């Protein structure tokens, strides 16, 4: 069984993950850092090519776990940064049990966390650890962006932000000719 999801937490104290099992007595975890900068660079480069029709799988960074696992995009997964085992105590009568698993992950970033059972079943989840929070508020003719420490809420002076985006509209100019315009 493969499970893919996303968990976002504040960095510093160590991430936690939920793990559900039935009959297992031990799980082995491994965490690998995700190269988010390369992923974003590739998304921007793809958008700059102005393809006739955007492939949503190449631009959807919110579903990175799916891309890493189902589309085998290993180039975004770096070296293993942590590994540990957890002993499990299954419930009677083969009922599911869910536990909270502490991890050694403390540094801000994205990690692919993989749990493997002795019988070969695998669970994967992307764990995002944030050290900053960004709040954006729309105003009448502009927007205000506030960058703060994720734990204290204090502003981060001199924070440099790099925004990027795209817009695509479909136009049918001739019969049987679909054309997309981007900006």
C-alpha atoms as a PDB file:
ATOM      1  CA  UNK A   1       0.000   0.000   0.000  1.00  0.00           C
ATOM      2  CA  UNK A   2       1.234   3.461  -0.845  1.00  0.00           C
ATOM      3  CA  UNK A   3      -0.099   6.553   0.863  1.00  0.00           C
ATOM      4  CA  UNK A   4       0.951  10.013  -0.234  1.00  0.00           C
ATOM      5  CA  UNK A   5       0.016  13.240   1.520  1.00  0.00           C
ATOM      6  CA  UNK A   6       1.335  16.550   2.805  1.00  0.00           C
ATOM      7  CA  UNK A   7       1.935  17.826   6.338  1.00  0.00           C
ATOM      8  CA  UNK A   8       2.919  21.422   7.112  1.00  0.00           C
ATOM      9  CA  UNK A   9       4.417  22.322  10.485  1.00  0.00           C
ATOM     10  CA  UNK A  10       6.666  24.901  12.093  1.00  0.00           C
ATOM     11  CA  UNK A  11      10.360  24.029  12.228  1.00  0.00           C
ATOM     12  CA  UNK A  12      12.535  24.071  15.311  1.00  0.00           C
ATOM     13  CA  UNK A  13      10.839  21.645  17.696  1.00  0.00           C
ATOM     14  CA  UNK A  14      10.855  18.613  15.436  1.00  0.00           C
ATOM     15  CA  UNK A  15       8.145  17.471  13.082  1.00  0.00           C
ATOM     16  CA  UNK A  16       5.532  14.882  13.889  1.00  0.00           C
ATOM     17  CA  UNK A  17       3.634  12.589  11.550  1.00  0.00           C
ATOM     18  CA  UNK A  18       0.561  10.436  11.938  1.00  0.00           C
ATOM     19  CA  UNK A  19       1.005   6.755  11.115  1.00  0.00           C
ATOM     20  CA  UNK A  20      -1.827   4.229  10.783  1.00  0.00           C
ATOM     21  CA  UNK A  21      -1.245   0.489  10.913  1.00  0.00           C
ATOM     22  CA  UNK A  22      -3.080  -2.707  11.675  1.00  0.00           C
ATOM     23  CA  UNK A  23      -0.931  -5.765  12.501  1.00  0.00           C
ATOM     24  CA  UNK A  24       2.620  -4.468  12.198  1.00  0.00           C
ATOM     25  CA  UNK A  25       5.019  -4.546  15.138  1.00  0.00           C
ATOM     26  CA  UNK A  26       7.761  -2.303  13.711  1.00  0.00           C
ATOM     27  CA  UNK A  27       8.133   0.435  11.089  1.00  0.00           C
ATOM     28  CA  UNK A  28      11.343   1.848   9.632  1.00  0.00           C
ATOM     29  CA  UNK A  29      11.306   5.516   8.672  1.00  0.00           C
ATOM     30  CA  UNK A  30      13.633   7.389   6.337  1.00  0.00           C
ATOM     31  CA  UNK A  31      13.567  11.104   5.556  1.00  0.00           C
ATOM     32  CA  UNK A  32      15.043  12.617   2.398  1.00  0.00           C
ATOM     33  CA  UNK A  33      15.236  16.354   1.762  1.00  0.00           C
ATOM     34  CA  UNK A  34      13.323  17.686  -1.252  1.00  0.00           C
ATOM     35  CA  UNK A  35      15.097  20.177  -3.518  1.00  0.00           C
ATOM     36  CA  UNK A  36      12.297  22.748  -3.679  1.00  0.00           C
ATOM     37  CA  UNK A  37      14.498  25.384  -5.360  1.00  0.00           C
ATOM     38  CA  UNK A  38      15.199  23.087  -8.336  1.00  0.00           C
ATOM     39  CA  UNK A  39      11.522  22.139  -8.557  1.00  0.00           C
ATOM     40  CA  UNK A  40      10.475  25.816  -8.670  1.00  0.00           C
ATOM     41  CA  UNK A  41      13.209  26.634 -11.215  1.00  0.00           C
ATOM     42  CA  UNK A  42      11.924  23.819 -13.457  1.00  0.00           C
ATOM     43  CA  UNK A  43       8.318  25.052 -13.142  1.00  0.00           C
ATOM     44  CA  UNK A  44       9.362  28.601 -14.093  1.00  0.00           C
ATOM     45  CA  UNK A  45      11.450  27.329 -17.017  1.00  0.00           C
ATOM     46  CA  UNK A  46       8.515  25.251 -18.296  1.00  0.00           C
ATOM     47  CA  UNK A  47       6.127  28.228 -18.099  1.00  0.00           C
ATOM     48  CA  UNK A  48       8.648  30.412 -19.999  1.00  0.00           C
ATOM     49  CA  UNK A  49       8.495  27.965 -22.948  1.00  0.00           C
ATOM     50  CA  UNK A  50       4.876  29.107 -23.460  1.00  0.00           C
ATOM     51  CA  UNK A  51       3.544  25.688 -24.478  1.00  0.00           C
ATOM     52  CA  UNK A  52       0.348  25.641 -26.538  1.00  0.00           C
ATOM     53  CA  UNK A  53      -1.422  24.033 -23.584  1.00  0.00           C
ATOM     54  CA  UNK A  54      -0.011  23.924 -20.043  1.00  0.00           C
ATOM     55  CA  UNK A  55       0.491  20.463 -18.560  1.00  0.00           C
ATOM     56  CA  UNK A  56      -0.904  20.818 -15.037  1.00  0.00           C
ATOM     57  CA  UNK A  57       1.339  18.011 -13.740  1.00  0.00           C
ATOM     58  CA  UNK A  58       4.425  20.093 -14.592  1.00  0.00           C
ATOM     59  CA  UNK A  59       3.250  23.208 -12.735  1.00  0.00           C
ATOM     60  CA  UNK A  60       1.397  21.842  -9.699  1.00  0.00           C
ATOM     61  CA  UNK A  61       3.860  22.305  -6.821  1.00  0.00           C
ATOM     62  CA  UNK A  62       1.115  21.878  -4.217  1.00  0.00           C
ATOM     63  CA  UNK A  63       0.914  18.176  -5.043  1.00  0.00           C
ATOM     64  CA  UNK A  64       4.638  17.463  -4.906  1.00  0.00           C
ATOM     65  CA  UNK A  65       4.175  14.130  -3.115  1.00  0.00           C
ATOM     66  CA  UNK A  66       2.225  12.753  -6.061  1.00  0.00           C
ATOM     67  CA  UNK A  67       4.933  13.917  -8.469  1.00  0.00           C
ATOM     68  CA  UNK A  68       7.723  12.351  -6.430  1.00  0.00           C
ATOM     69  CA  UNK A  69       6.025   9.002  -5.886  1.00  0.00           C
ATOM     70  CA  UNK A  70       3.665   8.406  -8.803  1.00  0.00           C
ATOM     71  CA  UNK A  71       5.676  10.208 -11.505  1.00  0.00           C
ATOM     72  CA  UNK A  72       9.049   9.014 -10.163  1.00  0.00           C
ATOM     73  CA  UNK A  73      10.599  12.473 -10.169  1.00  0.00           C
ATOM     74  CA  UNK A  74      13.635  11.435  -8.151  1.00  0.00           C
ATOM     75  CA  UNK A  75      15.708  14.384  -9.329  1.00  0.00           C
ATOM     76  CA  UNK A  76      13.946  16.516  -6.699  1.00  0.00           C
ATOM     77  CA  UNK A  77      14.696  14.140  -3.826  1.00  0.00           C
ATOM     78  CA  UNK A  78      18.077  14.554  -2.179  1.00  0.00           C
ATOM     79  CA  UNK A  79      20.115  12.472   0.181  1.00  0.00           C
ATOM     80  CA  UNK A  80      18.701  10.761   3.220  1.00  0.00           C
ATOM     81  CA  UNK A  81      18.924  13.070   6.244  1.00  0.00           C
ATOM     82  CA  UNK A  82      17.452  10.810   8.934  1.00  0.00           C
ATOM     83  CA  UNK A  83      16.472   7.190   9.588  1.00  0.00           C
ATOM     84  CA  UNK A  84      14.880   5.580  12.638  1.00  0.00           C
ATOM     85  CA  UNK A  85      12.700   2.662  13.713  1.00  0.00           C
ATOM     86  CA  UNK A  86       9.542   2.700  15.797  1.00  0.00           C
ATOM     87  CA  UNK A  87       8.185  -0.319  17.652  1.00  0.00           C
ATOM     88  CA  UNK A  88       4.425  -0.701  17.185  1.00  0.00           C
ATOM     89  CA  UNK A  89       1.760  -2.240  19.375  1.00  0.00           C
ATOM     90  CA  UNK A  90      -1.170  -3.397  17.228  1.00  0.00           C
ATOM     91  CA  UNK A  91      -4.718  -3.373  18.598  1.00  0.00           C
ATOM     92  CA  UNK A  92      -6.586  -6.606  19.227  1.00  0.00           C
ATOM     93  CA  UNK A  93      -8.801  -8.140  16.542  1.00  0.00           C
ATOM     94  CA  UNK A  94      -6.853  -6.532  13.684  1.00  0.00           C
ATOM     95  CA  UNK A  95      -8.308  -3.052  14.285  1.00  0.00           C
ATOM     96  CA  UNK A  96      -6.472  -0.018  12.927  1.00  0.00           C
ATOM     97  CA  UNK A  97      -4.313   2.032  15.267  1.00  0.00           C
ATOM     98  CA  UNK A  98      -3.094   5.565  14.596  1.00  0.00           C
ATOM     99  CA  UNK A  99      -0.087   6.961  16.421  1.00  0.00           C
ATOM    100  CA  UNK A 100       1.829  10.215  16.401  1.00  0.00           C
ATOM    101  CA  UNK A 101       5.437   9.632  15.408  1.00  0.00           C
ATOM    102  CA  UNK A 102       8.051  12.174  16.476  1.00  0.00           C
ATOM    103  CA  UNK A 103      10.773  12.787  13.901  1.00  0.00           C
ATOM    104  CA  UNK A 104      14.297  14.174  14.235  1.00  0.00           C
ATOM    105  CA  UNK A 105      13.505  16.758  11.522  1.00  0.00           C
ATOM    106  CA  UNK A 106      14.018  20.303  12.810  1.00  0.00           C
ATOM    107  CA  UNK A 107      15.484  22.335   9.928  1.00  0.00           C
ATOM    108  CA  UNK A 108      13.038  24.272   7.740  1.00  0.00           C
ATOM    109  CA  UNK A 109      12.439  22.685   4.356  1.00  0.00           C
ATOM    110  CA  UNK A 110      10.509  19.915   2.631  1.00  0.00           C
ATOM    111  CA  UNK A 111      11.141  16.231   3.274  1.00  0.00           C
ATOM    112  CA  UNK A 112       9.869  12.995   1.774  1.00  0.00           C
ATOM    113  CA  UNK A 113       9.166  10.784   4.789  1.00  0.00           C
ATOM    114  CA  UNK A 114       8.868   7.062   3.985  1.00  0.00           C
ATOM    115  CA  UNK A 115       7.637   4.417   6.418  1.00  0.00           C
ATOM    116  CA  UNK A 116       8.326   0.791   5.489  1.00  0.00           C
ATOM    117  CA  UNK A 117       6.872  -2.266   7.213  1.00  0.00           C
ATOM    118  CA  UNK A 118       8.467  -5.720   7.302  1.00  0.00           C
ATOM    119  CA  UNK A 119       5.871  -7.079   4.848  1.00  0.00           C
ATOM    120  CA  UNK A 120       6.844  -4.440   2.261  1.00  0.00           C
ATOM    121  CA  UNK A 121       3.929  -2.034   2.705  1.00  0.00           C
ATOM    122  CA  UNK A 122       5.088   1.559   2.276  1.00  0.00           C
ATOM    123  CA  UNK A 123       3.620   4.903   3.319  1.00  0.00           C
ATOM    124  CA  UNK A 124       4.967   8.231   2.122  1.00  0.00           C
ATOM    125  CA  UNK A 125       4.204  11.767   3.168  1.00  0.00           C
ATOM    126  CA  UNK A 126       5.749  15.128   2.360  1.00  0.00           C
ATOM    127  CA  UNK A 127       6.604  17.023   5.532  1.00  0.00           C
ATOM    128  CA  UNK A 128       7.034  20.792   5.202  1.00  0.00           C
ATOM    129  CA  UNK A 129       8.776  22.554   8.077  1.00  0.00           C
ATOM    130  CA  UNK A 130       8.355  26.324   7.993  1.00  0.00           C
ATOM    131  CA  UNK A 131      10.472  28.916   9.744  1.00  0.00           C
ATOM    132  CA  UNK A 132       8.642  31.836   8.131  1.00  0.00           C
ATOM    133  CA  UNK A 133       5.024  32.762   7.523  1.00  0.00           C
ATOM    134  CA  UNK A 134       3.806  34.944   4.680  1.00  0.00           C
ATOM    135  CA  UNK A 135       0.476  36.727   4.922  1.00  0.00           C
ATOM    136  CA  UNK A 136      -0.916  38.559   1.916  1.00  0.00           C
ATOM    137  CA  UNK A 137      -3.843  40.961   2.179  1.00  0.00           C
ATOM    138  CA  UNK A 138      -5.539  42.450  -0.872  1.00  0.00           C
ATOM    139  CA  UNK A 139      -6.020  46.217  -0.755  1.00  0.00           C
ATOM    140  CA  UNK A 140      -8.004  48.519  -3.066  1.00  0.00           C
ATOM    141  CA  UNK A 141      -5.320  48.906  -5.762  1.00  0.00           C
ATOM    142  CA  UNK A 142      -2.492  46.782  -4.386  1.00  0.00           C
ATOM    143  CA  UNK A 143      -1.730  44.095  -1.862  1.00  0.00           C
ATOM    144  CA  UNK A 144       0.180  44.066   1.385  1.00  0.00           C
ATOM    145  CA  UNK A 145       2.577  41.224   2.161  1.00  0.00           C
ATOM    146  CA  UNK A 146       3.796  40.542   5.705  1.00  0.00           C
ATOM    147  CA  UNK A 147       6.727  38.185   6.307  1.00  0.00           C
ATOM    148  CA  UNK A 148       7.178  36.938   9.865  1.00  0.00           C
ATOM    149  CA  UNK A 149       8.913  34.360  12.017  1.00  0.00           C
ATOM    150  CA  UNK A 150       6.568  31.344  12.005  1.00  0.00           C
ATOM    151  CA  UNK A 151       6.860  30.799  15.754  1.00  0.00           C
ATOM    152  CA  UNK A 152       6.920  34.320  17.215  1.00  0.00           C
ATOM    153  CA  UNK A 153       5.045  36.260  14.538  1.00  0.00           C
ATOM    154  CA  UNK A 154       7.713  38.966  14.626  1.00  0.00           C
ATOM    155  CA  UNK A 155       8.457  40.627  11.275  1.00  0.00           C
ATOM    156  CA  UNK A 156      11.528  39.539   9.337  1.00  0.00           C
ATOM    157  CA  UNK A 157      13.349  42.693   8.334  1.00  0.00           C
ATOM    158  CA  UNK A 158      14.771  42.838   4.813  1.00  0.00           C
ATOM    159  CA  UNK A 159      13.027  39.675   3.624  1.00  0.00           C
ATOM    160  CA  UNK A 160      13.373  39.291  -0.144  1.00  0.00           C
ATOM    161  CA  UNK A 161      10.388  37.750  -1.912  1.00  0.00           C
ATOM    162  CA  UNK A 162      10.322  36.346  -5.433  1.00  0.00           C
ATOM    163  CA  UNK A 163       6.803  36.059  -6.848  1.00  0.00           C
ATOM    164  CA  UNK A 164       5.990  34.323 -10.115  1.00  0.00           C
ATOM    165  CA  UNK A 165       2.774  33.368 -11.806  1.00  0.00           C
ATOM    166  CA  UNK A 166       1.088  32.757 -15.114  1.00  0.00           C
ATOM    167  CA  UNK A 167      -2.241  33.302 -16.809  1.00  0.00           C
ATOM    168  CA  UNK A 168      -3.680  31.252 -19.636  1.00  0.00           C
ATOM    169  CA  UNK A 169      -6.835  31.903 -21.653  1.00  0.00           C
ATOM    170  CA  UNK A 170      -8.421  29.688 -24.279  1.00  0.00           C
ATOM    171  CA  UNK A 171      -9.512  31.283 -27.567  1.00  0.00           C
ATOM    172  CA  UNK A 172     -11.040  29.589 -30.579  1.00  0.00           C
ATOM    173  CA  UNK A 173     -10.062  31.711 -33.553  1.00  0.00           C
ATOM    174  CA  UNK A 174     -10.988  29.299 -36.351  1.00  0.00           C
ATOM    175  CA  UNK A 175     -13.197  26.242 -36.494  1.00  0.00           C
ATOM    176  CA  UNK A 176     -11.313  23.196 -35.145  1.00  0.00           C
ATOM    177  CA  UNK A 177      -8.370  25.334 -34.035  1.00  0.00           C
ATOM    178  CA  UNK A 178      -7.962  25.825 -30.311  1.00  0.00           C
ATOM    179  CA  UNK A 179      -5.360  28.304 -29.203  1.00  0.00           C
ATOM    180  CA  UNK A 180      -4.174  29.274 -25.767  1.00  0.00           C
ATOM    181  CA  UNK A 181      -2.728  32.648 -24.876  1.00  0.00           C
ATOM    182  CA  UNK A 182      -0.481  33.130 -21.877  1.00  0.00           C
ATOM    183  CA  UNK A 183       0.938  35.989 -19.930  1.00  0.00           C
END
